[in-house]
PDB file of N, CA and C in Angstrom:
ATOM      1  N   MET A   1     105.386  83.548  84.202  1.00  0.00           N
ATOM      2  CA  MET A   1     105.367  83.250  85.615  1.00  0.00           C
ATOM      3  C   MET A   1     105.641  81.777  85.788  1.00  0.00           C
ATOM      4  N   GLY A   2     104.646  80.940  85.905  1.00  0.00           N
ATOM      5  CA  GLY A   2     104.835  79.505  85.909  1.00  0.00           C
ATOM      6  C   GLY A   2     105.233  78.881  87.227  1.00  0.00           C
ATOM      7  N   THR A   3     105.786  79.634  88.175  1.00  0.00           N
ATOM      8  CA  THR A   3     106.251  78.999  89.404  1.00  0.00           C
ATOM      9  C   THR A   3     105.109  78.470  90.253  1.00  0.00           C
ATOM     10  N   TYR A   4     103.896  78.925  90.029  1.00  0.00           N
ATOM     11  CA  TYR A   4     102.772  78.405  90.812  1.00  0.00           C
ATOM     12  C   TYR A   4     102.552  76.934  90.520  1.00  0.00           C
ATOM     13  N   LEU A   5     102.996  76.456  89.373  1.00  0.00           N
ATOM     14  CA  LEU A   5     102.831  75.051  89.029  1.00  0.00           C
ATOM     15  C   LEU A   5     103.775  74.154  89.806  1.00  0.00           C
ATOM     16  N   THR A   6     104.895  74.675  90.278  1.00  0.00           N
ATOM     17  CA  THR A   6     105.883  73.864  90.972  1.00  0.00           C
ATOM     18  C   THR A   6     105.802  74.001  92.484  1.00  0.00           C
ATOM     19  N   GLY A   7     104.910  74.819  92.977  1.00  0.00           N
ATOM     20  CA  GLY A   7     104.797  75.011  94.411  1.00  0.00           C
ATOM     21  C   GLY A   7     105.829  75.967  94.990  1.00  0.00           C
ATOM     22  N   THR A   8     106.459  76.759  94.164  1.00  0.00           N
ATOM     23  CA  THR A   8     107.427  77.753  94.625  1.00  0.00           C
ATOM     24  C   THR A   8     106.706  79.079  94.801  1.00  0.00           C
ATOM     25  N   PHE A   9     106.854  79.681  95.982  1.00  0.00           N
ATOM     26  CA  PHE A   9     106.150  80.922  96.278  1.00  0.00           C
ATOM     27  C   PHE A   9     107.134  81.991  96.703  1.00  0.00           C
ATOM     28  N   ASN A  10     106.931  83.200  96.230  1.00  0.00           N
ATOM     29  CA  ASN A  10     107.791  84.327  96.581  1.00  0.00           C
ATOM     30  C   ASN A  10     107.203  85.204  97.673  1.00  0.00           C
ATOM     31  N   VAL A  11     105.894  85.131  97.888  1.00  0.00           N
ATOM     32  CA  VAL A  11     105.262  85.987  98.895  1.00  0.00           C
ATOM     33  C   VAL A  11     104.304  85.185  99.753  1.00  0.00           C
ATOM     34  N   ILE A  12     104.161  85.652 100.985  1.00  0.00           N
ATOM     35  CA  ILE A  12     103.157  85.137 101.916  1.00  0.00           C
ATOM     36  C   ILE A  12     102.401  86.366 102.399  1.00  0.00           C
ATOM     37  N   HIS A  13     101.108  86.439 102.076  1.00  0.00           N
ATOM     38  CA  HIS A  13     100.320  87.613 102.460  1.00  0.00           C
ATOM     39  C   HIS A  13      99.188  87.211 103.397  1.00  0.00           C
ATOM     40  N   ASN A  14      98.984  88.048 104.417  1.00  0.00           N
ATOM     41  CA  ASN A  14      97.813  87.873 105.267  1.00  0.00           C
ATOM     42  C   ASN A  14      96.684  88.745 104.722  1.00  0.00           C
ATOM     43  N   THR A  15      95.562  88.765 105.388  1.00  0.00           N
ATOM     44  CA  THR A  15      94.392  89.483 104.862  1.00  0.00           C
ATOM     45  C   THR A  15      94.639  90.975 104.675  1.00  0.00           C
ATOM     46  N   GLY A  16      95.540  91.562 105.443  1.00  0.00           N
ATOM     47  CA  GLY A  16      95.802  92.987 105.328  1.00  0.00           C
ATOM     48  C   GLY A  16      96.792  93.354 104.231  1.00  0.00           C
ATOM     49  N   ALA A  17      97.450  92.347 103.644  1.00  0.00           N
ATOM     50  CA  ALA A  17      98.491  92.636 102.656  1.00  0.00           C
ATOM     51  C   ALA A  17      98.173  92.091 101.263  1.00  0.00           C
ATOM     52  N   THR A  18      97.000  91.517 101.070  1.00  0.00           N
ATOM     53  CA  THR A  18      96.686  90.935  99.770  1.00  0.00           C
ATOM     54  C   THR A  18      96.639  92.008  98.685  1.00  0.00           C
ATOM     55  N   ASP A  19      97.084  91.622  97.500  1.00  0.00           N
ATOM     56  CA  ASP A  19      97.126  92.543  96.367  1.00  0.00           C
ATOM     57  C   ASP A  19      96.904  91.722  95.095  1.00  0.00           C
ATOM     58  N   PHE A  20      95.658  91.518  94.741  1.00  0.00           N
ATOM     59  CA  PHE A  20      95.315  90.689  93.588  1.00  0.00           C
ATOM     60  C   PHE A  20      95.647  91.363  92.258  1.00  0.00           C
ATOM     61  N   ASN A  21      95.962  92.649  92.276  1.00  0.00           N
ATOM     62  CA  ASN A  21      96.341  93.331  91.043  1.00  0.00           C
ATOM     63  C   ASN A  21      97.787  93.051  90.653  1.00  0.00           C
ATOM     64  N   ASN A  22      98.628  92.781  91.636  1.00  0.00           N
ATOM     65  CA  ASN A  22     100.049  92.599  91.365  1.00  0.00           C
ATOM     66  C   ASN A  22     100.578  91.205  91.692  1.00  0.00           C
ATOM     67  N   PHE A  23      99.740  90.346  92.285  1.00  0.00           N
ATOM     68  CA  PHE A  23     100.169  89.006  92.655  1.00  0.00           C
ATOM     69  C   PHE A  23      99.107  87.983  92.263  1.00  0.00           C
ATOM     70  N   VAL A  24      99.561  86.776  91.954  1.00  0.00           N
ATOM     71  CA  VAL A  24      98.649  85.652  91.769  1.00  0.00           C
ATOM     72  C   VAL A  24      98.913  84.720  92.948  1.00  0.00           C
ATOM     73  N   TYR A  25      97.842  84.363  93.652  1.00  0.00           N
ATOM     74  CA  TYR A  25      97.958  83.494  94.813  1.00  0.00           C
ATOM     75  C   TYR A  25      97.559  82.083  94.393  1.00  0.00           C
ATOM     76  N   SER A  26      98.467  81.133  94.599  1.00  0.00           N
ATOM     77  CA  SER A  26      98.230  79.784  94.108  1.00  0.00           C
ATOM     78  C   SER A  26      98.212  78.738  95.219  1.00  0.00           C
ATOM     79  N   ALA A  27      98.141  79.195  96.455  1.00  0.00           N
ATOM     80  CA  ALA A  27      97.987  78.264  97.567  1.00  0.00           C
ATOM     81  C   ALA A  27      97.458  79.019  98.782  1.00  0.00           C
ATOM     82  N   VAL A  28      96.773  78.269  99.637  1.00  0.00           N
ATOM     83  CA  VAL A  28      96.256  78.809 100.893  1.00  0.00           C
ATOM     84  C   VAL A  28      96.872  77.973 102.014  1.00  0.00           C
ATOM     85  N   TYR A  29      97.528  78.631 102.962  1.00  0.00           N
ATOM     86  CA  TYR A  29      98.117  77.957 104.118  1.00  0.00           C
ATOM     87  C   TYR A  29      97.250  78.279 105.331  1.00  0.00           C
ATOM     88  N   PHE A  30      96.741  77.261 105.988  1.00  0.00           N
ATOM     89  CA  PHE A  30      95.847  77.454 107.125  1.00  0.00           C
ATOM     90  C   PHE A  30      96.660  77.521 108.417  1.00  0.00           C
ATOM     91  N   ASN A  31      96.508  78.627 109.165  1.00  0.00           N
ATOM     92  CA  ASN A  31      97.200  78.751 110.445  1.00  0.00           C
ATOM     93  C   ASN A  31      96.264  78.547 111.628  1.00  0.00           C
ATOM     94  N   THR A  32      94.976  78.374 111.366  1.00  0.00           N
ATOM     95  CA  THR A  32      94.023  78.017 112.419  1.00  0.00           C
ATOM     96  C   THR A  32      92.990  77.046 111.855  1.00  0.00           C
ATOM     97  N   LEU A  33      92.428  76.254 112.713  1.00  0.00           N
ATOM     98  CA  LEU A  33      91.378  75.310 112.341  1.00  0.00           C
ATOM     99  C   LEU A  33      90.091  76.091 112.092  1.00  0.00           C
ATOM    100  N   GLY A  34      89.396  75.787 111.021  1.00  0.00           N
ATOM    101  CA  GLY A  34      88.144  76.486 110.761  1.00  0.00           C
ATOM    102  C   GLY A  34      87.572  76.185 109.391  1.00  0.00           C
ATOM    103  N   THR A  35      86.396  76.737 109.148  1.00  0.00           N
ATOM    104  CA  THR A  35      85.732  76.612 107.860  1.00  0.00           C
ATOM    105  C   THR A  35      85.839  77.946 107.142  1.00  0.00           C
ATOM    106  N   TYR A  36      86.331  77.901 105.908  1.00  0.00           N
ATOM    107  CA  TYR A  36      86.592  79.118 105.148  1.00  0.00           C
ATOM    108  C   TYR A  36      85.980  79.009 103.761  1.00  0.00           C
ATOM    109  N   THR A  37      85.660  80.150 103.152  1.00  0.00           N
ATOM    110  CA  THR A  37      85.149  80.168 101.784  1.00  0.00           C
ATOM    111  C   THR A  37      86.299  80.513 100.851  1.00  0.00           C
ATOM    112  N   ILE A  38      86.715  79.517 100.055  1.00  0.00           N
ATOM    113  CA  ILE A  38      87.795  79.671  99.085  1.00  0.00           C
ATOM    114  C   ILE A  38      87.207  79.370  97.707  1.00  0.00           C
ATOM    115  N   ASN A  39      87.287  80.321  96.812  1.00  0.00           N
ATOM    116  CA  ASN A  39      86.748  80.169  95.450  1.00  0.00           C
ATOM    117  C   ASN A  39      85.283  79.731  95.456  1.00  0.00           C
ATOM    118  N   GLY A  40      84.529  80.297  96.382  1.00  0.00           N
ATOM    119  CA  GLY A  40      83.102  80.024  96.444  1.00  0.00           C
ATOM    120  C   GLY A  40      82.731  78.690  97.078  1.00  0.00           C
ATOM    121  N   THR A  41      83.712  77.962  97.579  1.00  0.00           N
ATOM    122  CA  THR A  41      83.473  76.647  98.173  1.00  0.00           C
ATOM    123  C   THR A  41      83.845  76.676  99.647  1.00  0.00           C
ATOM    124  N   SER A  42      83.038  76.045 100.480  1.00  0.00           N
ATOM    125  CA  SER A  42      83.328  75.932 101.899  1.00  0.00           C
ATOM    126  C   SER A  42      84.423  74.883 102.093  1.00  0.00           C
ATOM    127  N   VAL A  43      85.515  75.292 102.736  1.00  0.00           N
ATOM    128  CA  VAL A  43      86.684  74.434 102.911  1.00  0.00           C
ATOM    129  C   VAL A  43      87.015  74.333 104.395  1.00  0.00           C
ATOM    130  N   GLU A  44      87.291  73.110 104.854  1.00  0.00           N
ATOM    131  CA  GLU A  44      87.729  72.905 106.233  1.00  0.00           C
ATOM    132  C   GLU A  44      89.236  73.054 106.280  1.00  0.00           C
ATOM    133  N   GLY A  45      89.710  74.086 106.960  1.00  0.00           N
ATOM    134  CA  GLY A  45      91.141  74.311 107.081  1.00  0.00           C
ATOM    135  C   GLY A  45      91.704  73.592 108.289  1.00  0.00           C
ATOM    136  N   VAL A  46      92.831  72.923 108.115  1.00  0.00           N
ATOM    137  CA  VAL A  46      93.524  72.219 109.183  1.00  0.00           C
ATOM    138  C   VAL A  46      94.837  72.950 109.442  1.00  0.00           C
ATOM    139  N   VAL A  47      95.165  73.190 110.695  1.00  0.00           N
ATOM    140  CA  VAL A  47      96.380  73.921 111.040  1.00  0.00           C
ATOM    141  C   VAL A  47      97.584  73.258 110.371  1.00  0.00           C
ATOM    142  N   GLY A  48      98.344  74.068 109.625  1.00  0.00           N
ATOM    143  CA  GLY A  48      99.528  73.575 108.936  1.00  0.00           C
ATOM    144  C   GLY A  48      99.238  72.986 107.570  1.00  0.00           C
ATOM    145  N   GLY A  49      97.968  72.910 107.193  1.00  0.00           N
ATOM    146  CA  GLY A  49      97.592  72.356 105.888  1.00  0.00           C
ATOM    147  C   GLY A  49      97.680  73.401 104.792  1.00  0.00           C
ATOM    148  N   THR A  50      97.950  72.933 103.578  1.00  0.00           N
ATOM    149  CA  THR A  50      98.041  73.820 102.422  1.00  0.00           C
ATOM    150  C   THR A  50      97.098  73.326 101.338  1.00  0.00           C
ATOM    151  N   LEU A  51      96.323  74.238 100.795  1.00  0.00           N
ATOM    152  CA  LEU A  51      95.423  73.953  99.677  1.00  0.00           C
ATOM    153  C   LEU A  51      96.004  74.640  98.451  1.00  0.00           C
ATOM    154  N   GLU A  52      96.449  73.833  97.472  1.00  0.00           N
ATOM    155  CA  GLU A  52      97.015  74.414  96.253  1.00  0.00           C
ATOM    156  C   GLU A  52      95.898  74.658  95.249  1.00  0.00           C
ATOM    157  N   VAL A  53      95.614  75.937  95.031  1.00  0.00           N
ATOM    158  CA  VAL A  53      94.540  76.361  94.134  1.00  0.00           C
ATOM    159  C   VAL A  53      94.790  77.815  93.760  1.00  0.00           C
ATOM    160  N   ILE A  54      94.486  78.185  92.528  1.00  0.00           N
ATOM    161  CA  ILE A  54      94.571  79.593  92.148  1.00  0.00           C
ATOM    162  C   ILE A  54      93.402  80.303  92.832  1.00  0.00           C
ATOM    163  N   VAL A  55      93.704  81.254  93.688  1.00  0.00           N
ATOM    164  CA  VAL A  55      92.687  81.909  94.511  1.00  0.00           C
ATOM    165  C   VAL A  55      91.988  83.001  93.711  1.00  0.00           C
ATOM    166  N   ASP A  56      90.657  82.922  93.675  1.00  0.00           N
ATOM    167  CA  ASP A  56      89.829  83.915  92.992  1.00  0.00           C
ATOM    168  C   ASP A  56      89.391  84.963  94.006  1.00  0.00           C
ATOM    169  N   GLU A  57      89.811  86.192  93.786  1.00  0.00           N
ATOM    170  CA  GLU A  57      89.514  87.288  94.712  1.00  0.00           C
ATOM    171  C   GLU A  57      88.016  87.490  94.918  1.00  0.00           C
ATOM    172  N   THR A  58      87.233  87.334  93.858  1.00  0.00           N
ATOM    173  CA  THR A  58      85.808  87.666  93.936  1.00  0.00           C
ATOM    174  C   THR A  58      84.986  86.613  94.671  1.00  0.00           C
ATOM    175  N   THR A  59      85.493  85.391  94.795  1.00  0.00           N
ATOM    176  CA  THR A  59      84.706  84.333  95.443  1.00  0.00           C
ATOM    177  C   THR A  59      85.383  83.767  96.682  1.00  0.00           C
ATOM    178  N   THR A  60      86.411  84.471  97.185  1.00  0.00           N
ATOM    179  CA  THR A  60      87.115  84.052  98.395  1.00  0.00           C
ATOM    180  C   THR A  60      86.902  85.097  99.475  1.00  0.00           C
ATOM    181  N   THR A  61      86.513  84.639 100.654  1.00  0.00           N
ATOM    182  CA  THR A  61      86.349  85.536 101.793  1.00  0.00           C
ATOM    183  C   THR A  61      87.639  85.521 102.599  1.00  0.00           C
ATOM    184  N   LEU A  62      88.355  86.648 102.574  1.00  0.00           N
ATOM    185  CA  LEU A  62      89.624  86.726 103.301  1.00  0.00           C
ATOM    186  C   LEU A  62      89.376  86.573 104.791  1.00  0.00           C
ATOM    187  N   ASN A  63      90.339  85.906 105.457  1.00  0.00           N
ATOM    188  CA  ASN A  63      90.175  85.598 106.872  1.00  0.00           C
ATOM    189  C   ASN A  63      91.562  85.508 107.499  1.00  0.00           C
ATOM    190  N   SER A  64      91.676  85.919 108.760  1.00  0.00           N
ATOM    191  CA  SER A  64      92.974  85.854 109.440  1.00  0.00           C
ATOM    192  C   SER A  64      93.378  84.422 109.756  1.00  0.00           C
ATOM    193  N   GLY A  65      92.516  83.465 109.498  1.00  0.00           N
ATOM    194  CA  GLY A  65      92.812  82.057 109.759  1.00  0.00           C
ATOM    195  C   GLY A  65      93.663  81.397 108.694  1.00  0.00           C
ATOM    196  N   PHE A  66      93.962  82.122 107.625  1.00  0.00           N
ATOM    197  CA  PHE A  66      94.829  81.560 106.592  1.00  0.00           C
ATOM    198  C   PHE A  66      95.700  82.632 105.960  1.00  0.00           C
ATOM    199  N   LEU A  67      96.763  82.165 105.310  1.00  0.00           N
ATOM    200  CA  LEU A  67      97.685  83.030 104.585  1.00  0.00           C
ATOM    201  C   LEU A  67      97.623  82.664 103.111  1.00  0.00           C
ATOM    202  N   LEU A  68      97.858  83.639 102.239  1.00  0.00           N
ATOM    203  CA  LEU A  68      97.885  83.387 100.800  1.00  0.00           C
ATOM    204  C   LEU A  68      99.340  83.338 100.337  1.00  0.00           C
ATOM    205  N   LEU A  69      99.666  82.289  99.594  1.00  0.00           N
ATOM    206  CA  LEU A  69     101.016  82.106  99.063  1.00  0.00           C
ATOM    207  C   LEU A  69     100.972  82.367  97.575  1.00  0.00           C
ATOM    208  N   GLY A  70     101.930  83.124  97.065  1.00  0.00           N
ATOM    209  CA  GLY A  70     101.865  83.445  95.644  1.00  0.00           C
ATOM    210  C   GLY A  70     103.129  84.028  95.076  1.00  0.00           C
ATOM    211  N   ASN A  71     102.971  84.614  93.893  1.00  0.00           N
ATOM    212  CA  ASN A  71     104.074  85.182  93.128  1.00  0.00           C
ATOM    213  C   ASN A  71     103.625  86.471  92.451  1.00  0.00           C
ATOM    214  N   PRO A  72     104.577  87.372  92.192  1.00  0.00           N
ATOM    215  CA  PRO A  72     104.233  88.594  91.464  1.00  0.00           C
ATOM    216  C   PRO A  72     103.783  88.271  90.045  1.00  0.00           C
ATOM    217  N   ILE A  73     102.856  89.057  89.553  1.00  0.00           N
ATOM    218  CA  ILE A  73     102.437  88.942  88.160  1.00  0.00           C
ATOM    219  C   ILE A  73     103.503  89.646  87.328  1.00  0.00           C
ATOM    220  N   PRO A  74     104.075  88.958  86.336  1.00  0.00           N
ATOM    221  CA  PRO A  74     105.116  89.622  85.538  1.00  0.00           C
ATOM    222  C   PRO A  74     104.534  90.778  84.736  1.00  0.00           C
ATOM    223  N   PRO A  75     105.349  91.814  84.507  1.00  0.00           N
ATOM    224  CA  PRO A  75     104.853  92.953  83.723  1.00  0.00           C
ATOM    225  C   PRO A  75     104.542  92.529  82.292  1.00  0.00           C
ATOM    226  N   GLN A  76     103.504  93.097  81.746  1.00  0.00           N
ATOM    227  CA  GLN A  76     103.132  92.814  80.367  1.00  0.00           C
ATOM    228  C   GLN A  76     104.027  93.601  79.430  1.00  0.00           C
ATOM    229  N   THR A  77     104.515  92.940  78.404  1.00  0.00           N
ATOM    230  CA  THR A  77     105.364  93.598  77.424  1.00  0.00           C
ATOM    231  C   THR A  77     104.494  94.415  76.480  1.00  0.00           C
ATOM    232  N   LYS A  78     104.836  95.676  76.340  1.00  0.00           N
ATOM    233  CA  LYS A  78     104.110  96.548  75.427  1.00  0.00           C
ATOM    234  C   LYS A  78     105.036  96.935  74.291  1.00  0.00           C
ATOM    235  N   ILE A  79     104.570  96.751  73.085  1.00  0.00           N
ATOM    236  CA  ILE A  79     105.357  97.077  71.900  1.00  0.00           C
ATOM    237  C   ILE A  79     104.717  98.266  71.212  1.00  0.00           C
ATOM    238  N   LYS A  80     105.498  99.319  71.047  1.00  0.00           N
ATOM    239  CA  LYS A  80     104.995 100.500  70.358  1.00  0.00           C
ATOM    240  C   LYS A  80     104.781 100.155  68.892  1.00  0.00           C
ATOM    241  N   THR A  81     103.633 100.524  68.354  1.00  0.00           N
ATOM    242  CA  THR A  81     103.321 100.240  66.952  1.00  0.00           C
ATOM    243  C   THR A  81     102.988 101.521  66.210  1.00  0.00           C
ATOM    244  N   GLY A  82     103.027 101.404  64.878  1.00  0.00           N
ATOM    245  CA  GLY A  82     102.716 102.553  64.029  1.00  0.00           C
ATOM    246  C   GLY A  82     103.983 103.303  63.671  1.00  0.00           C
ATOM    247  N   LEU A  83     103.843 104.608  63.432  1.00  0.00           N
ATOM    248  CA  LEU A  83     104.985 105.454  63.064  1.00  0.00           C
ATOM    249  C   LEU A  83     105.883 105.634  64.288  1.00  0.00           C
ATOM    250  N   ILE A  84     107.111 105.173  64.189  1.00  0.00           N
ATOM    251  CA  ILE A  84     108.055 105.247  65.297  1.00  0.00           C
ATOM    252  C   ILE A  84     108.900 106.514  65.209  1.00  0.00           C
ATOM    253  N   SER A  85     109.430 106.789  64.026  1.00  0.00           N
ATOM    254  CA  SER A  85     110.276 107.978  63.871  1.00  0.00           C
ATOM    255  C   SER A  85     110.313 108.428  62.410  1.00  0.00           C
ATOM    256  N   THR A  86     110.726 109.664  62.217  1.00  0.00           N
ATOM    257  CA  THR A  86     110.935 110.225  60.880  1.00  0.00           C
ATOM    258  C   THR A  86     112.296 110.898  60.877  1.00  0.00           C
ATOM    259  N   THR A  87     113.150 110.486  59.915  1.00  0.00           N
ATOM    260  CA  THR A  87     114.483 111.075  59.804  1.00  0.00           C
ATOM    261  C   THR A  87     114.730 111.458  58.360  1.00  0.00           C
ATOM    262  N   GLY A  88     114.901 112.744  58.096  1.00  0.00           N
ATOM    263  CA  GLY A  88     115.204 113.226  56.752  1.00  0.00           C
ATOM    264  C   GLY A  88     114.184 112.784  55.716  1.00  0.00           C
ATOM    265  N   GLY A  89     112.931 112.770  56.085  1.00  0.00           N
ATOM    266  CA  GLY A  89     111.875 112.371  55.161  1.00  0.00           C
ATOM    267  C   GLY A  89     111.634 110.867  55.098  1.00  0.00           C
ATOM    268  N   THR A  90     112.445 110.084  55.792  1.00  0.00           N
ATOM    269  CA  THR A  90     112.257 108.636  55.826  1.00  0.00           C
ATOM    270  C   THR A  90     111.469 108.273  57.079  1.00  0.00           C
ATOM    271  N   GLU A  91     110.364 107.606  56.892  1.00  0.00           N
ATOM    272  CA  GLU A  91     109.519 107.213  58.017  1.00  0.00           C
ATOM    273  C   GLU A  91     109.818 105.771  58.424  1.00  0.00           C
ATOM    274  N   HIS A  92     109.841 105.537  59.728  1.00  0.00           N
ATOM    275  CA  HIS A  92     110.105 104.207  60.261  1.00  0.00           C
ATOM    276  C   HIS A  92     108.848 103.733  61.004  1.00  0.00           C
ATOM    277  N   TYR A  93     108.304 102.589  60.571  1.00  0.00           N
ATOM    278  CA  TYR A  93     107.100 102.023  61.173  1.00  0.00           C
ATOM    279  C   TYR A  93     107.425 100.705  61.855  1.00  0.00           C
ATOM    280  N   GLN A  94     106.650 100.369  62.863  1.00  0.00           N
ATOM    281  CA  GLN A  94     106.784  99.079  63.529  1.00  0.00           C
ATOM    282  C   GLN A  94     105.389  98.531  63.815  1.00  0.00           C
ATOM    283  N   PHE A  95     105.215  97.255  63.521  1.00  0.00           N
ATOM    284  CA  PHE A  95     103.944  96.580  63.778  1.00  0.00           C
ATOM    285  C   PHE A  95     104.208  95.242  64.455  1.00  0.00           C
ATOM    286  N   VAL A  96     103.163  94.576  64.914  1.00  0.00           N
ATOM    287  CA  VAL A  96     103.304  93.282  65.571  1.00  0.00           C
ATOM    288  C   VAL A  96     102.776  92.200  64.644  1.00  0.00           C
ATOM    289  N   ASN A  97     103.596  91.183  64.423  1.00  0.00           N
ATOM    290  CA  ASN A  97     103.185  90.015  63.645  1.00  0.00           C
ATOM    291  C   ASN A  97     102.186  89.234  64.489  1.00  0.00           C
ATOM    292  N   ILE A  98     100.943  89.101  64.030  1.00  0.00           N
ATOM    293  CA  ILE A  98      99.908  88.481  64.851  1.00  0.00           C
ATOM    294  C   ILE A  98     100.127  86.981  65.041  1.00  0.00           C
ATOM    295  N   LYS A  99     100.930  86.354  64.211  1.00  0.00           N
ATOM    296  CA  LYS A  99     101.207  84.933  64.367  1.00  0.00           C
ATOM    297  C   LYS A  99     102.285  84.672  65.411  1.00  0.00           C
ATOM    298  N   THR A 100     103.321  85.519  65.427  1.00  0.00           N
ATOM    299  CA  THR A 100     104.444  85.299  66.348  1.00  0.00           C
ATOM    300  C   THR A 100     104.395  86.198  67.568  1.00  0.00           C
ATOM    301  N   GLY A 101     103.696  87.322  67.485  1.00  0.00           N
ATOM    302  CA  GLY A 101     103.682  88.284  68.589  1.00  0.00           C
ATOM    303  C   GLY A 101     104.909  89.157  68.645  1.00  0.00           C
ATOM    304  N   LEU A 102     105.788  89.014  67.656  1.00  0.00           N
ATOM    305  CA  LEU A 102     107.024  89.785  67.620  1.00  0.00           C
ATOM    306  C   LEU A 102     106.879  91.032  66.756  1.00  0.00           C
ATOM    307  N   PRO A 103     107.652  92.077  67.075  1.00  0.00           N
ATOM    308  CA  PRO A 103     107.580  93.296  66.259  1.00  0.00           C
ATOM    309  C   PRO A 103     108.212  93.080  64.886  1.00  0.00           C
ATOM    310  N   THR A 104     107.647  93.745  63.875  1.00  0.00           N
ATOM    311  CA  THR A 104     108.231  93.753  62.530  1.00  0.00           C
ATOM    312  C   THR A 104     108.465  95.205  62.152  1.00  0.00           C
ATOM    313  N   ASN A 105     109.548  95.468  61.488  1.00  0.00           N
ATOM    314  CA  ASN A 105     109.904  96.843  61.124  1.00  0.00           C
ATOM    315  C   ASN A 105     109.695  97.066  59.635  1.00  0.00           C
ATOM    316  N   GLY A 106     109.313  98.272  59.288  1.00  0.00           N
ATOM    317  CA  GLY A 106     109.128  98.590  57.876  1.00  0.00           C
ATOM    318  C   GLY A 106     109.394 100.042  57.607  1.00  0.00           C
TER     319      GLY A 106
END
């Protein structure tokens, strides 16, 4: 992912569209003046202000006074391991090298 570090956002979600399972929110944009709980801390929101922080779903109280800016979580790569195939009595195995994270064939 990484774009949250540069301030580039692909999505803007309001309280009804948040999806912490598929997106990481790395900024809060305040559209109304008010006091909000972000990551367990009371924050004074100023209209048009942006707070750059990775938003924690469990300690943030969603509110219509702000929007969440973020990016999709990239899919996790899954590598099939163990016996992959058998052809004419020859077995093909694949495992993951724990140092590199890359598949090895045997």
